[in-house]
Amino acid sequence: MKMRRKSDLPTKICACCNRPFAWRRKWARDWDSVRFCSERCRREART
């Protein structure tokens, strides 16, 4: 696999903090359903 720059990866806006975050390899299977940039944002959105 060819190395990519972080700026070349797809990005989304976090539903909690409204900051952009980049694709991560662990999200490869379910990138379409990822809504939050971190576990902390996911927890705070539930409250």
C-alpha atoms as a PDB file:
ATOM      1  CA  MET A   1       0.000   0.000   0.000  1.00  0.00           C
ATOM      2  CA  LYS A   2       1.270   3.436  -0.947  1.00  0.00           C
ATOM      3  CA  MET A   3       1.798   5.959   1.850  1.00  0.00           C
ATOM      4  CA  ARG A   4      -0.559   8.944   1.841  1.00  0.00           C
ATOM      5  CA  ARG A   5      -0.369  12.352   3.400  1.00  0.00           C
ATOM      6  CA  LYS A   6      -2.955  13.111   6.054  1.00  0.00           C
ATOM      7  CA  SER A   7      -4.219  15.969   3.906  1.00  0.00           C
ATOM      8  CA  ASP A   8      -5.115  13.448   1.164  1.00  0.00           C
ATOM      9  CA  LEU A   9      -7.422  11.431   3.443  1.00  0.00           C
ATOM     10  CA  PRO A  10     -11.182  12.038   3.565  1.00  0.00           C
ATOM     11  CA  THR A  11     -12.467  14.204   6.400  1.00  0.00           C
ATOM     12  CA  LYS A  12     -15.726  14.745   8.264  1.00  0.00           C
ATOM     13  CA  ILE A  13     -17.057  17.252  10.789  1.00  0.00           C
ATOM     14  CA  CYS A  14     -17.650  15.958  14.321  1.00  0.00           C
ATOM     15  CA  ALA A  15     -21.320  16.025  15.388  1.00  0.00           C
ATOM     16  CA  CYS A  16     -20.394  17.129  18.915  1.00  0.00           C
ATOM     17  CA  CYS A  17     -17.505  19.621  18.696  1.00  0.00           C
ATOM     18  CA  ASN A  18     -17.895  20.680  15.011  1.00  0.00           C
ATOM     19  CA  ARG A  19     -14.188  20.182  14.311  1.00  0.00           C
ATOM     20  CA  PRO A  20     -12.869  18.355  11.237  1.00  0.00           C
ATOM     21  CA  PHE A  21     -11.328  14.911  11.691  1.00  0.00           C
ATOM     22  CA  ALA A  22      -9.572  12.636   9.226  1.00  0.00           C
ATOM     23  CA  TRP A  23     -10.126   9.016   8.213  1.00  0.00           C
ATOM     24  CA  ARG A  24      -8.409   6.406  10.370  1.00  0.00           C
ATOM     25  CA  ARG A  25      -7.571   2.860   9.422  1.00  0.00           C
ATOM     26  CA  LYS A  26      -9.651   1.422  12.286  1.00  0.00           C
ATOM     27  CA  TRP A  27     -12.703   3.165  10.771  1.00  0.00           C
ATOM     28  CA  ALA A  28     -12.157   1.628   7.322  1.00  0.00           C
ATOM     29  CA  ARG A  29     -15.104  -0.797   7.535  1.00  0.00           C
ATOM     30  CA  ASP A  30     -17.663   1.655   8.901  1.00  0.00           C
ATOM     31  CA  TRP A  31     -16.494   5.111   7.777  1.00  0.00           C
ATOM     32  CA  ASP A  32     -20.016   5.981   6.606  1.00  0.00           C
ATOM     33  CA  SER A  33     -21.433   5.541  10.116  1.00  0.00           C
ATOM     34  CA  VAL A  34     -18.669   7.394  12.028  1.00  0.00           C
ATOM     35  CA  ARG A  35     -20.081  10.640  13.483  1.00  0.00           C
ATOM     36  CA  PHE A  36     -17.709  11.618  16.289  1.00  0.00           C
ATOM     37  CA  CYS A  37     -13.988  12.406  16.291  1.00  0.00           C
ATOM     38  CA  SER A  38     -13.265  10.732  19.627  1.00  0.00           C
ATOM     39  CA  GLU A  39     -14.638   8.586  22.399  1.00  0.00           C
ATOM     40  CA  ARG A  40     -14.964  11.696  24.549  1.00  0.00           C
ATOM     41  CA  CYS A  41     -17.225  13.441  22.016  1.00  0.00           C
ATOM     42  CA  ARG A  42     -19.317  10.297  21.664  1.00  0.00           C
ATOM     43  CA  ARG A  43     -19.835  10.118  25.443  1.00  0.00           C
ATOM     44  CA  GLU A  44     -20.635  13.833  25.773  1.00  0.00           C
ATOM     45  CA  ALA A  45     -23.211  13.674  22.981  1.00  0.00           C
ATOM     46  CA  ARG A  46     -25.218  11.085  24.932  1.00  0.00           C
ATOM     47  CA  THR A  47     -25.683  13.416  27.926  1.00  0.00           C
END
